[in-house]
Each structure stands twice: as structure tokens, then as C-alpha cells.
Amino acid sequence: MKKLKIKRDKDMIRFSGRKHSATGIWSAITGILAVLGFAAISSVSGAMGGKGGIILGFSGVFLLLLAAFGFYLSCKAFKQRDVFYRFPVIGGILNGVMIIVFIVIYIYGFGG
């Protein structure tokens, strides 16, 4: 009978010089804040019957700028070397989608 060789966990660990990028983490945080802020102002606006006023409008503009800044941080994190790209990808996707959502909402609001 042939014995099966089972690899131990420490044999499978590979260390590298990569680390998580701080700008990528901040990009993901701003993306999460933009999504949560959008959910909050959407629910408040819905509860008020669509008559939220100027405060919710300025909040939306602020969240659009926050998403744009987060997308900038994500692009900046992609240019770094020897880093993990998990957080920049999450931040880029969240911020990019939120920028598109906010722009579509504002274009729709100007049209009618």
C-alpha cells in the first residue's frame, strides 16, 4: 500500500512582500459610506414623499463628491506596486457605481 502524503499547513504558506494599500482601504471605506449614505437619503426622501428639500439635495451632492474622491483613491492605489488589490477593486466598483447612480438621478431630476 502506498501512503498518501498530506501537506502540512506551514508547508503551504507563502510569504510575500505585499501588503494592503492604505489608499485602497480608504477607497473601499468611502465607497461603503457612499452606498450607506445613498440608502439613508433615499429612505428619508421616500418617507417624506419625495419632498426632502435642499438638505437632502446637498447631501446627495456631498455623497457624489465623496464617491468621486474614493474613485480617485482607487485609481491611485492601482498604480502602487507590491500591494494586494482587493480593497482598491472593491472601492473602485462601489464608487464607480455610485457616481453613475448619482449622475443618472441628477440628470433625471433636471429633466422633469
PDB file of N, CA and C in Angstrom:
ATOM      1  N   MET A   1       0.820  -1.186   0.000  1.00  0.00           N
ATOM      2  CA  MET A   1       0.000   0.000   0.000  1.00  0.00           C
ATOM      3  C   MET A   1       0.862   1.247   0.000  1.00  0.00           C
ATOM      4  N   LYS A   2       0.379   2.196  -0.711  1.00  0.00           N
ATOM      5  CA  LYS A   2       1.113   3.435  -0.835  1.00  0.00           C
ATOM      6  C   LYS A   2       0.534   4.469   0.142  1.00  0.00           C
ATOM      7  N   LYS A   3       1.409   5.134   0.868  1.00  0.00           N
ATOM      8  CA  LYS A   3       0.956   6.143   1.815  1.00  0.00           C
ATOM      9  C   LYS A   3       0.742   7.471   1.088  1.00  0.00           C
ATOM     10  N   LEU A   4      -0.332   8.121   1.455  1.00  0.00           N
ATOM     11  CA  LEU A   4      -0.592   9.450   0.902  1.00  0.00           C
ATOM     12  C   LEU A   4       0.136  10.481   1.742  1.00  0.00           C
ATOM     13  N   LYS A   5       0.802  11.347   1.062  1.00  0.00           N
ATOM     14  CA  LYS A   5       1.500  12.394   1.771  1.00  0.00           C
ATOM     15  C   LYS A   5       0.575  13.611   1.884  1.00  0.00           C
ATOM     16  N   ILE A   6       0.314  14.003   3.098  1.00  0.00           N
ATOM     17  CA  ILE A   6      -0.552  15.147   3.342  1.00  0.00           C
ATOM     18  C   ILE A   6       0.341  16.341   3.651  1.00  0.00           C
ATOM     19  N   LYS A   7       0.103  17.398   2.927  1.00  0.00           N
ATOM     20  CA  LYS A   7       0.896  18.602   3.147  1.00  0.00           C
ATOM     21  C   LYS A   7       0.430  19.292   4.416  1.00  0.00           C
ATOM     22  N   ARG A   8       1.389  19.723   5.163  1.00  0.00           N
ATOM     23  CA  ARG A   8       1.064  20.464   6.370  1.00  0.00           C
ATOM     24  C   ARG A   8       0.798  21.916   6.005  1.00  0.00           C
ATOM     25  N   ASP A   9       0.080  22.606   6.889  1.00  0.00           N
ATOM     26  CA  ASP A   9      -0.287  23.990   6.627  1.00  0.00           C
ATOM     27  C   ASP A   9       0.931  24.885   6.483  1.00  0.00           C
ATOM     28  N   LYS A  10       1.937  24.662   7.289  1.00  0.00           N
ATOM     29  CA  LYS A  10       3.090  25.552   7.215  1.00  0.00           C
ATOM     30  C   LYS A  10       3.884  25.341   5.928  1.00  0.00           C
ATOM     31  N   ASP A  11       3.742  24.181   5.295  1.00  0.00           N
ATOM     32  CA  ASP A  11       4.391  23.972   4.011  1.00  0.00           C
ATOM     33  C   ASP A  11       3.683  24.727   2.891  1.00  0.00           C
ATOM     34  N   MET A  12       2.429  25.044   3.093  1.00  0.00           N
ATOM     35  CA  MET A  12       1.637  25.696   2.060  1.00  0.00           C
ATOM     36  C   MET A  12       1.649  27.219   2.176  1.00  0.00           C
ATOM     37  N   ILE A  13       2.133  27.746   3.253  1.00  0.00           N
ATOM     38  CA  ILE A  13       2.147  29.188   3.442  1.00  0.00           C
ATOM     39  C   ILE A  13       3.273  29.793   2.614  1.00  0.00           C
ATOM     40  N   ARG A  14       2.901  30.834   1.877  1.00  0.00           N
ATOM     41  CA  ARG A  14       3.898  31.539   1.086  1.00  0.00           C
ATOM     42  C   ARG A  14       3.867  33.000   1.493  1.00  0.00           C
ATOM     43  N   PHE A  15       4.975  33.470   1.919  1.00  0.00           N
ATOM     44  CA  PHE A  15       5.071  34.867   2.325  1.00  0.00           C
ATOM     45  C   PHE A  15       5.537  35.704   1.150  1.00  0.00           C
ATOM     46  N   SER A  16       4.972  36.876   1.074  1.00  0.00           N
ATOM     47  CA  SER A  16       5.402  37.802   0.036  1.00  0.00           C
ATOM     48  C   SER A  16       5.555  39.171   0.672  1.00  0.00           C
ATOM     49  N   GLY A  17       6.127  40.058  -0.052  1.00  0.00           N
ATOM     50  CA  GLY A  17       6.336  41.399   0.457  1.00  0.00           C
ATOM     51  C   GLY A  17       5.129  42.302   0.272  1.00  0.00           C
ATOM     52  N   ARG A  18       4.011  41.744  -0.222  1.00  0.00           N
ATOM     53  CA  ARG A  18       2.849  42.577  -0.483  1.00  0.00           C
ATOM     54  C   ARG A  18       2.094  42.877   0.797  1.00  0.00           C
ATOM     55  N   LYS A  19       1.398  43.998   0.784  1.00  0.00           N
ATOM     56  CA  LYS A  19       0.569  44.389   1.912  1.00  0.00           C
ATOM     57  C   LYS A  19      -0.668  45.084   1.362  1.00  0.00           C
ATOM     58  N   HIS A  20      -1.614  45.363   2.235  1.00  0.00           N
ATOM     59  CA  HIS A  20      -2.806  46.083   1.821  1.00  0.00           C
ATOM     60  C   HIS A  20      -2.500  47.573   1.755  1.00  0.00           C
ATOM     61  N   SER A  21      -2.928  48.192   0.691  1.00  0.00           N
ATOM     62  CA  SER A  21      -2.670  49.607   0.478  1.00  0.00           C
ATOM     63  C   SER A  21      -3.616  50.454   1.333  1.00  0.00           C
ATOM     64  N   ALA A  22      -3.069  51.453   2.008  1.00  0.00           N
ATOM     65  CA  ALA A  22      -3.898  52.339   2.828  1.00  0.00           C
ATOM     66  C   ALA A  22      -4.860  53.140   1.959  1.00  0.00           C
ATOM     67  N   THR A  23      -4.410  53.574   0.784  1.00  0.00           N
ATOM     68  CA  THR A  23      -5.315  54.309  -0.095  1.00  0.00           C
ATOM     69  C   THR A  23      -6.419  53.412  -0.635  1.00  0.00           C
ATOM     70  N   GLY A  24      -6.110  52.141  -0.856  1.00  0.00           N
ATOM     71  CA  GLY A  24      -7.140  51.199  -1.287  1.00  0.00           C
ATOM     72  C   GLY A  24      -8.175  50.954  -0.207  1.00  0.00           C
ATOM     73  N   ILE A  25      -7.724  50.865   1.030  1.00  0.00           N
ATOM     74  CA  ILE A  25      -8.654  50.679   2.148  1.00  0.00           C
ATOM     75  C   ILE A  25      -9.544  51.901   2.299  1.00  0.00           C
ATOM     76  N   TRP A  26      -8.967  53.100   2.191  1.00  0.00           N
ATOM     77  CA  TRP A  26      -9.775  54.321   2.286  1.00  0.00           C
ATOM     78  C   TRP A  26     -10.747  54.427   1.122  1.00  0.00           C
ATOM     79  N   SER A  27     -10.351  53.950  -0.031  1.00  0.00           N
ATOM     80  CA  SER A  27     -11.255  53.940  -1.176  1.00  0.00           C
ATOM     81  C   SER A  27     -12.465  53.047  -0.912  1.00  0.00           C
ATOM     82  N   ALA A  28     -12.215  51.878  -0.351  1.00  0.00           N
ATOM     83  CA  ALA A  28     -13.324  50.976  -0.022  1.00  0.00           C
ATOM     84  C   ALA A  28     -14.218  51.582   1.057  1.00  0.00           C
ATOM     85  N   ILE A  29     -13.626  52.256   2.027  1.00  0.00           N
ATOM     86  CA  ILE A  29     -14.415  52.883   3.095  1.00  0.00           C
ATOM     87  C   ILE A  29     -15.297  53.990   2.523  1.00  0.00           C
ATOM     88  N   THR A  30     -14.744  54.808   1.626  1.00  0.00           N
ATOM     89  CA  THR A  30     -15.563  55.864   1.030  1.00  0.00           C
ATOM     90  C   THR A  30     -16.674  55.285   0.165  1.00  0.00           C
ATOM     91  N   GLY A  31     -16.406  54.167  -0.501  1.00  0.00           N
ATOM     92  CA  GLY A  31     -17.454  53.512  -1.288  1.00  0.00           C
ATOM     93  C   GLY A  31     -18.581  52.994  -0.411  1.00  0.00           C
ATOM     94  N   ILE A  32     -18.227  52.402   0.710  1.00  0.00           N
ATOM     95  CA  ILE A  32     -19.250  51.903   1.639  1.00  0.00           C
ATOM     96  C   ILE A  32     -20.042  53.067   2.220  1.00  0.00           C
ATOM     97  N   LEU A  33     -19.356  54.166   2.565  1.00  0.00           N
ATOM     98  CA  LEU A  33     -20.059  55.344   3.087  1.00  0.00           C
ATOM     99  C   LEU A  33     -20.998  55.941   2.046  1.00  0.00           C
ATOM    100  N   ALA A  34     -20.584  55.939   0.777  1.00  0.00           N
ATOM    101  CA  ALA A  34     -21.445  56.471  -0.284  1.00  0.00           C
ATOM    102  C   ALA A  34     -22.691  55.607  -0.458  1.00  0.00           C
ATOM    103  N   VAL A  35     -22.533  54.298  -0.405  1.00  0.00           N
ATOM    104  CA  VAL A  35     -23.683  53.405  -0.544  1.00  0.00           C
ATOM    105  C   VAL A  35     -24.625  53.553   0.646  1.00  0.00           C
ATOM    106  N   LEU A  36     -24.088  53.570   1.850  1.00  0.00           N
ATOM    107  CA  LEU A  36     -24.925  53.716   3.043  1.00  0.00           C
ATOM    108  C   LEU A  36     -25.598  55.090   3.091  1.00  0.00           C
ATOM    109  N   GLY A  37     -24.869  56.127   2.696  1.00  0.00           N
ATOM    110  CA  GLY A  37     -25.456  57.463   2.649  1.00  0.00           C
ATOM    111  C   GLY A  37     -26.570  57.555   1.626  1.00  0.00           C
ATOM    112  N   PHE A  38     -26.375  56.924   0.465  1.00  0.00           N
ATOM    113  CA  PHE A  38     -27.423  56.904  -0.557  1.00  0.00           C
ATOM    114  C   PHE A  38     -28.661  56.180  -0.055  1.00  0.00           C
ATOM    115  N   ALA A  39     -28.458  55.063   0.628  1.00  0.00           N
ATOM    116  CA  ALA A  39     -29.598  54.335   1.188  1.00  0.00           C
ATOM    117  C   ALA A  39     -30.324  55.182   2.230  1.00  0.00           C
ATOM    118  N   ALA A  40     -29.562  55.910   3.025  1.00  0.00           N
ATOM    119  CA  ALA A  40     -30.172  56.744   4.069  1.00  0.00           C
ATOM    120  C   ALA A  40     -30.971  57.893   3.472  1.00  0.00           C
ATOM    121  N   ILE A  41     -30.384  58.628   2.517  1.00  0.00           N
ATOM    122  CA  ILE A  41     -31.125  59.763   1.970  1.00  0.00           C
ATOM    123  C   ILE A  41     -32.281  59.304   1.085  1.00  0.00           C
ATOM    124  N   SER A  42     -32.162  58.125   0.475  1.00  0.00           N
ATOM    125  CA  SER A  42     -33.278  57.594  -0.301  1.00  0.00           C
ATOM    126  C   SER A  42     -34.443  57.205   0.596  1.00  0.00           C
ATOM    127  N   SER A  43     -34.146  56.594   1.726  1.00  0.00           N
ATOM    128  CA  SER A  43     -35.222  56.206   2.635  1.00  0.00           C
ATOM    129  C   SER A  43     -35.868  57.421   3.292  1.00  0.00           C
ATOM    130  N   VAL A  44     -35.080  58.436   3.622  1.00  0.00           N
ATOM    131  CA  VAL A  44     -35.644  59.662   4.197  1.00  0.00           C
ATOM    132  C   VAL A  44     -36.507  60.378   3.163  1.00  0.00           C
ATOM    133  N   SER A  45     -36.024  60.444   1.925  1.00  0.00           N
ATOM    134  CA  SER A  45     -36.792  61.087   0.871  1.00  0.00           C
ATOM    135  C   SER A  45     -38.094  60.326   0.593  1.00  0.00           C
ATOM    136  N   GLY A  46     -38.026  59.016   0.629  1.00  0.00           N
ATOM    137  CA  GLY A  46     -39.241  58.216   0.440  1.00  0.00           C
ATOM    138  C   GLY A  46     -40.234  58.407   1.568  1.00  0.00           C
ATOM    139  N   ALA A  47     -39.731  58.521   2.788  1.00  0.00           N
ATOM    140  CA  ALA A  47     -40.617  58.731   3.933  1.00  0.00           C
ATOM    141  C   ALA A  47     -41.278  60.108   3.880  1.00  0.00           C
ATOM    142  N   MET A  48     -40.596  61.070   3.268  1.00  0.00           N
ATOM    143  CA  MET A  48     -41.147  62.419   3.165  1.00  0.00           C
ATOM    144  C   MET A  48     -41.961  62.616   1.887  1.00  0.00           C
ATOM    145  N   GLY A  49     -42.164  61.559   1.141  1.00  0.00           N
ATOM    146  CA  GLY A  49     -42.966  61.642  -0.083  1.00  0.00           C
ATOM    147  C   GLY A  49     -42.274  62.364  -1.221  1.00  0.00           C
ATOM    148  N   GLY A  50     -40.967  62.359  -1.249  1.00  0.00           N
ATOM    149  CA  GLY A  50     -40.223  62.999  -2.324  1.00  0.00           C
ATOM    150  C   GLY A  50     -40.008  64.481  -2.118  1.00  0.00           C
ATOM    151  N   LYS A  51     -40.389  65.000  -0.996  1.00  0.00           N
ATOM    152  CA  LYS A  51     -40.237  66.427  -0.711  1.00  0.00           C
ATOM    153  C   LYS A  51     -39.214  66.618   0.404  1.00  0.00           C
ATOM    154  N   GLY A  52     -38.012  66.138   0.159  1.00  0.00           N
ATOM    155  CA  GLY A  52     -36.968  66.189   1.177  1.00  0.00           C
ATOM    156  C   GLY A  52     -36.332  67.546   1.353  1.00  0.00           C
ATOM    157  N   GLY A  53     -36.363  68.353   0.339  1.00  0.00           N
ATOM    158  CA  GLY A  53     -35.810  69.692   0.463  1.00  0.00           C
ATOM    159  C   GLY A  53     -34.351  69.771   0.079  1.00  0.00           C
ATOM    160  N   ILE A  54     -33.800  70.937   0.371  1.00  0.00           N
ATOM    161  CA  ILE A  54     -32.442  71.265  -0.056  1.00  0.00           C
ATOM    162  C   ILE A  54     -31.385  70.487   0.727  1.00  0.00           C
ATOM    163  N   ILE A  55     -31.707  70.115   1.954  1.00  0.00           N
ATOM    164  CA  ILE A  55     -30.734  69.385   2.783  1.00  0.00           C
ATOM    165  C   ILE A  55     -30.392  68.040   2.153  1.00  0.00           C
ATOM    166  N   LEU A  56     -31.410  67.327   1.691  1.00  0.00           N
ATOM    167  CA  LEU A  56     -31.143  66.034   1.057  1.00  0.00           C
ATOM    168  C   LEU A  56     -30.438  66.219  -0.284  1.00  0.00           C
ATOM    169  N   GLY A  57     -30.726  67.309  -0.976  1.00  0.00           N
ATOM    170  CA  GLY A  57     -30.030  67.588  -2.237  1.00  0.00           C
ATOM    171  C   GLY A  57     -28.554  67.843  -2.022  1.00  0.00           C
ATOM    172  N   PHE A  58     -28.233  68.644  -1.021  1.00  0.00           N
ATOM    173  CA  PHE A  58     -26.822  68.894  -0.712  1.00  0.00           C
ATOM    174  C   PHE A  58     -26.133  67.640  -0.193  1.00  0.00           C
ATOM    175  N   SER A  59     -26.875  66.819   0.531  1.00  0.00           N
ATOM    176  CA  SER A  59     -26.305  65.547   0.996  1.00  0.00           C
ATOM    177  C   SER A  59     -25.947  64.659  -0.190  1.00  0.00           C
ATOM    178  N   GLY A  60     -26.810  64.650  -1.193  1.00  0.00           N
ATOM    179  CA  GLY A  60     -26.534  63.865  -2.401  1.00  0.00           C
ATOM    180  C   GLY A  60     -25.322  64.379  -3.158  1.00  0.00           C
ATOM    181  N   VAL A  61     -25.193  65.691  -3.252  1.00  0.00           N
ATOM    182  CA  VAL A  61     -24.023  66.277  -3.924  1.00  0.00           C
ATOM    183  C   VAL A  61     -22.752  65.943  -3.148  1.00  0.00           C
ATOM    184  N   PHE A  62     -22.828  66.029  -1.818  1.00  0.00           N
ATOM    185  CA  PHE A  62     -21.678  65.669  -0.996  1.00  0.00           C
ATOM    186  C   PHE A  62     -21.296  64.203  -1.209  1.00  0.00           C
ATOM    187  N   LEU A  63     -22.292  63.320  -1.269  1.00  0.00           N
ATOM    188  CA  LEU A  63     -22.004  61.897  -1.477  1.00  0.00           C
ATOM    189  C   LEU A  63     -21.430  61.646  -2.868  1.00  0.00           C
ATOM    190  N   LEU A  64     -21.881  62.416  -3.866  1.00  0.00           N
ATOM    191  CA  LEU A  64     -21.302  62.304  -5.207  1.00  0.00           C
ATOM    192  C   LEU A  64     -19.827  62.696  -5.175  1.00  0.00           C
ATOM    193  N   LEU A  65     -19.513  63.784  -4.498  1.00  0.00           N
ATOM    194  CA  LEU A  65     -18.113  64.205  -4.388  1.00  0.00           C
ATOM    195  C   LEU A  65     -17.283  63.199  -3.594  1.00  0.00           C
ATOM    196  N   LEU A  66     -17.881  62.616  -2.566  1.00  0.00           N
ATOM    197  CA  LEU A  66     -17.193  61.587  -1.784  1.00  0.00           C
ATOM    198  C   LEU A  66     -16.894  60.361  -2.644  1.00  0.00           C
ATOM    199  N   ALA A  67     -17.855  59.963  -3.471  1.00  0.00           N
ATOM    200  CA  ALA A  67     -17.646  58.819  -4.362  1.00  0.00           C
ATOM    201  C   ALA A  67     -16.574  59.134  -5.407  1.00  0.00           C
ATOM    202  N   ALA A  68     -16.564  60.363  -5.909  1.00  0.00           N
ATOM    203  CA  ALA A  68     -15.533  60.747  -6.887  1.00  0.00           C
ATOM    204  C   ALA A  68     -14.148  60.718  -6.243  1.00  0.00           C
ATOM    205  N   PHE A  69     -14.058  61.209  -5.000  1.00  0.00           N
ATOM    206  CA  PHE A  69     -12.781  61.166  -4.286  1.00  0.00           C
ATOM    207  C   PHE A  69     -12.352  59.718  -4.031  1.00  0.00           C
ATOM    208  N   GLY A  70     -13.293  58.864  -3.658  1.00  0.00           N
ATOM    209  CA  GLY A  70     -12.979  57.453  -3.445  1.00  0.00           C
ATOM    210  C   GLY A  70     -12.517  56.767  -4.715  1.00  0.00           C
ATOM    211  N   PHE A  71     -13.123  57.128  -5.847  1.00  0.00           N
ATOM    212  CA  PHE A  71     -12.701  56.560  -7.122  1.00  0.00           C
ATOM    213  C   PHE A  71     -11.286  57.022  -7.469  1.00  0.00           C
ATOM    214  N   TYR A  72     -10.981  58.284  -7.169  1.00  0.00           N
ATOM    215  CA  TYR A  72      -9.623  58.795  -7.367  1.00  0.00           C
ATOM    216  C   TYR A  72      -8.627  58.020  -6.510  1.00  0.00           C
ATOM    217  N   LEU A  73      -8.996  57.767  -5.241  1.00  0.00           N
ATOM    218  CA  LEU A  73      -8.104  56.993  -4.366  1.00  0.00           C
ATOM    219  C   LEU A  73      -7.903  55.578  -4.897  1.00  0.00           C
ATOM    220  N   SER A  74      -8.957  55.002  -5.445  1.00  0.00           N
ATOM    221  CA  SER A  74      -8.844  53.658  -6.003  1.00  0.00           C
ATOM    222  C   SER A  74      -7.879  53.637  -7.187  1.00  0.00           C
ATOM    223  N   CYS A  75      -8.004  54.611  -8.071  1.00  0.00           N
ATOM    224  CA  CYS A  75      -7.085  54.693  -9.214  1.00  0.00           C
ATOM    225  C   CYS A  75      -5.651  54.895  -8.750  1.00  0.00           C
ATOM    226  N   LYS A  76      -5.484  55.696  -7.718  1.00  0.00           N
ATOM    227  CA  LYS A  76      -4.152  55.929  -7.165  1.00  0.00           C
ATOM    228  C   LYS A  76      -3.579  54.645  -6.556  1.00  0.00           C
ATOM    229  N   ALA A  77      -4.428  53.852  -5.903  1.00  0.00           N
ATOM    230  CA  ALA A  77      -3.978  52.600  -5.290  1.00  0.00           C
ATOM    231  C   ALA A  77      -3.607  51.558  -6.344  1.00  0.00           C
ATOM    232  N   PHE A  78      -4.261  51.606  -7.521  1.00  0.00           N
ATOM    233  CA  PHE A  78      -3.925  50.656  -8.578  1.00  0.00           C
ATOM    234  C   PHE A  78      -2.528  50.892  -9.135  1.00  0.00           C
ATOM    235  N   LYS A  79      -2.001  52.084  -8.989  1.00  0.00           N
ATOM    236  CA  LYS A  79      -0.677  52.394  -9.515  1.00  0.00           C
ATOM    237  C   LYS A  79       0.444  51.981  -8.574  1.00  0.00           C
ATOM    238  N   GLN A  80       0.093  51.604  -7.349  1.00  0.00           N
ATOM    239  CA  GLN A  80       1.117  51.182  -6.396  1.00  0.00           C
ATOM    240  C   GLN A  80       1.601  49.779  -6.739  1.00  0.00           C
ATOM    241  N   ARG A  81       2.835  49.496  -6.353  1.00  0.00           N
ATOM    242  CA  ARG A  81       3.419  48.187  -6.644  1.00  0.00           C
ATOM    243  C   ARG A  81       3.483  47.357  -5.372  1.00  0.00           C
ATOM    244  N   ASP A  82       3.440  46.079  -5.546  1.00  0.00           N
ATOM    245  CA  ASP A  82       3.563  45.103  -4.465  1.00  0.00           C
ATOM    246  C   ASP A  82       2.510  45.292  -3.374  1.00  0.00           C
ATOM    247  N   VAL A  83       1.267  45.468  -3.789  1.00  0.00           N
ATOM    248  CA  VAL A  83       0.160  45.564  -2.837  1.00  0.00           C
ATOM    249  C   VAL A  83      -0.939  44.602  -3.277  1.00  0.00           C
ATOM    250  N   PHE A  84      -1.778  44.235  -2.334  1.00  0.00           N
ATOM    251  CA  PHE A  84      -2.952  43.453  -2.669  1.00  0.00           C
ATOM    252  C   PHE A  84      -3.994  44.392  -3.271  1.00  0.00           C
ATOM    253  N   TYR A  85      -4.737  43.910  -4.245  1.00  0.00           N
ATOM    254  CA  TYR A  85      -5.676  44.769  -4.951  1.00  0.00           C
ATOM    255  C   TYR A  85      -7.130  44.520  -4.575  1.00  0.00           C
ATOM    256  N   ARG A  86      -7.379  43.851  -3.479  1.00  0.00           N
ATOM    257  CA  ARG A  86      -8.751  43.563  -3.065  1.00  0.00           C
ATOM    258  C   ARG A  86      -9.509  44.845  -2.728  1.00  0.00           C
ATOM    259  N   PHE A  87      -8.965  45.668  -1.871  1.00  0.00           N
ATOM    260  CA  PHE A  87      -9.662  46.882  -1.450  1.00  0.00           C
ATOM    261  C   PHE A  87      -9.746  47.935  -2.560  1.00  0.00           C
ATOM    262  N   PRO A  88      -8.713  48.138  -3.371  1.00  0.00           N
ATOM    263  CA  PRO A  88      -8.896  49.074  -4.490  1.00  0.00           C
ATOM    264  C   PRO A  88      -9.973  48.632  -5.480  1.00  0.00           C
ATOM    265  N   VAL A  89     -10.100  47.328  -5.710  1.00  0.00           N
ATOM    266  CA  VAL A  89     -11.142  46.843  -6.614  1.00  0.00           C
ATOM    267  C   VAL A  89     -12.521  47.077  -6.001  1.00  0.00           C
ATOM    268  N   ILE A  90     -12.676  46.755  -4.719  1.00  0.00           N
ATOM    269  CA  ILE A  90     -13.958  46.985  -4.044  1.00  0.00           C
ATOM    270  C   ILE A  90     -14.302  48.465  -4.065  1.00  0.00           C
ATOM    271  N   GLY A  91     -13.332  49.306  -3.740  1.00  0.00           N
ATOM    272  CA  GLY A  91     -13.563  50.743  -3.741  1.00  0.00           C
ATOM    273  C   GLY A  91     -13.863  51.280  -5.124  1.00  0.00           C
ATOM    274  N   GLY A  92     -13.160  50.807  -6.118  1.00  0.00           N
ATOM    275  CA  GLY A  92     -13.401  51.263  -7.491  1.00  0.00           C
ATOM    276  C   GLY A  92     -14.786  50.895  -7.988  1.00  0.00           C
ATOM    277  N   ILE A  93     -15.213  49.673  -7.694  1.00  0.00           N
ATOM    278  CA  ILE A  93     -16.538  49.241  -8.131  1.00  0.00           C
ATOM    279  C   ILE A  93     -17.631  50.017  -7.397  1.00  0.00           C
ATOM    280  N   LEU A  94     -17.535  50.086  -6.064  1.00  0.00           N
ATOM    281  CA  LEU A  94     -18.568  50.791  -5.298  1.00  0.00           C
ATOM    282  C   LEU A  94     -18.641  52.267  -5.673  1.00  0.00           C
ATOM    283  N   ASN A  95     -17.504  52.922  -5.720  1.00  0.00           N
ATOM    284  CA  ASN A  95     -17.501  54.347  -6.035  1.00  0.00           C
ATOM    285  C   ASN A  95     -17.918  54.605  -7.478  1.00  0.00           C
ATOM    286  N   GLY A  96     -17.474  53.789  -8.394  1.00  0.00           N
ATOM    287  CA  GLY A  96     -17.863  53.960  -9.794  1.00  0.00           C
ATOM    288  C   GLY A  96     -19.353  53.793 -10.005  1.00  0.00           C
ATOM    289  N   VAL A  97     -19.933  52.777  -9.377  1.00  0.00           N
ATOM    290  CA  VAL A  97     -21.380  52.560  -9.496  1.00  0.00           C
ATOM    291  C   VAL A  97     -22.141  53.716  -8.862  1.00  0.00           C
ATOM    292  N   MET A  98     -21.666  54.185  -7.717  1.00  0.00           N
ATOM    293  CA  MET A  98     -22.377  55.287  -7.050  1.00  0.00           C
ATOM    294  C   MET A  98     -22.266  56.589  -7.842  1.00  0.00           C
ATOM    295  N   ILE A  99     -21.146  56.835  -8.495  1.00  0.00           N
ATOM    296  CA  ILE A  99     -21.032  58.015  -9.352  1.00  0.00           C
ATOM    297  C   ILE A  99     -22.057  57.948 -10.474  1.00  0.00           C
ATOM    298  N   ILE A 100     -22.165  56.790 -11.105  1.00  0.00           N
ATOM    299  CA  ILE A 100     -23.137  56.620 -12.189  1.00  0.00           C
ATOM    300  C   ILE A 100     -24.556  56.799 -11.673  1.00  0.00           C
ATOM    301  N   VAL A 101     -24.868  56.215 -10.515  1.00  0.00           N
ATOM    302  CA  VAL A 101     -26.218  56.326  -9.948  1.00  0.00           C
ATOM    303  C   VAL A 101     -26.553  57.783  -9.652  1.00  0.00           C
ATOM    304  N   PHE A 102     -25.646  58.499  -9.019  1.00  0.00           N
ATOM    305  CA  PHE A 102     -25.913  59.901  -8.683  1.00  0.00           C
ATOM    306  C   PHE A 102     -26.071  60.756  -9.935  1.00  0.00           C
ATOM    307  N   ILE A 103     -25.239  60.541 -10.930  1.00  0.00           N
ATOM    308  CA  ILE A 103     -25.343  61.329 -12.161  1.00  0.00           C
ATOM    309  C   ILE A 103     -26.660  61.046 -12.874  1.00  0.00           C
ATOM    310  N   VAL A 104     -27.068  59.780 -12.925  1.00  0.00           N
ATOM    311  CA  VAL A 104     -28.351  59.434 -13.555  1.00  0.00           C
ATOM    312  C   VAL A 104     -29.503  60.086 -12.797  1.00  0.00           C
ATOM    313  N   ILE A 105     -29.456  60.066 -11.486  1.00  0.00           N
ATOM    314  CA  ILE A 105     -30.521  60.690 -10.688  1.00  0.00           C
ATOM    315  C   ILE A 105     -30.566  62.195 -10.931  1.00  0.00           C
ATOM    316  N   TYR A 106     -29.414  62.845 -10.997  1.00  0.00           N
ATOM    317  CA  TYR A 106     -29.399  64.287 -11.217  1.00  0.00           C
ATOM    318  C   TYR A 106     -29.847  64.644 -12.630  1.00  0.00           C
ATOM    319  N   ILE A 107     -29.464  63.864 -13.624  1.00  0.00           N
ATOM    320  CA  ILE A 107     -29.927  64.117 -14.994  1.00  0.00           C
ATOM    321  C   ILE A 107     -31.445  63.926 -15.068  1.00  0.00           C
ATOM    322  N   TYR A 108     -31.936  62.875 -14.435  1.00  0.00           N
ATOM    323  CA  TYR A 108     -33.381  62.634 -14.409  1.00  0.00           C
ATOM    324  C   TYR A 108     -34.096  63.771 -13.674  1.00  0.00           C
ATOM    325  N   GLY A 109     -33.515  64.268 -12.607  1.00  0.00           N
ATOM    326  CA  GLY A 109     -34.123  65.365 -11.858  1.00  0.00           C
ATOM    327  C   GLY A 109     -34.148  66.674 -12.622  1.00  0.00           C
ATOM    328  N   PHE A 110     -33.133  66.941 -13.425  1.00  0.00           N
ATOM    329  CA  PHE A 110     -33.124  68.169 -14.229  1.00  0.00           C
ATOM    330  C   PHE A 110     -34.132  68.087 -15.374  1.00  0.00           C
ATOM    331  N   GLY A 111     -34.390  66.868 -15.831  1.00  0.00           N
ATOM    332  CA  GLY A 111     -35.281  66.708 -16.990  1.00  0.00           C
ATOM    333  C   GLY A 111     -36.760  66.828 -16.672  1.00  0.00           C
ATOM    334  N   GLY A 112     -37.146  66.616 -15.465  1.00  0.00           N
ATOM    335  CA  GLY A 112     -38.591  66.644 -15.248  1.00  0.00           C
ATOM    336  C   GLY A 112     -38.911  66.939 -13.872  1.00  0.00           C
TER     337      GLY A 112
END
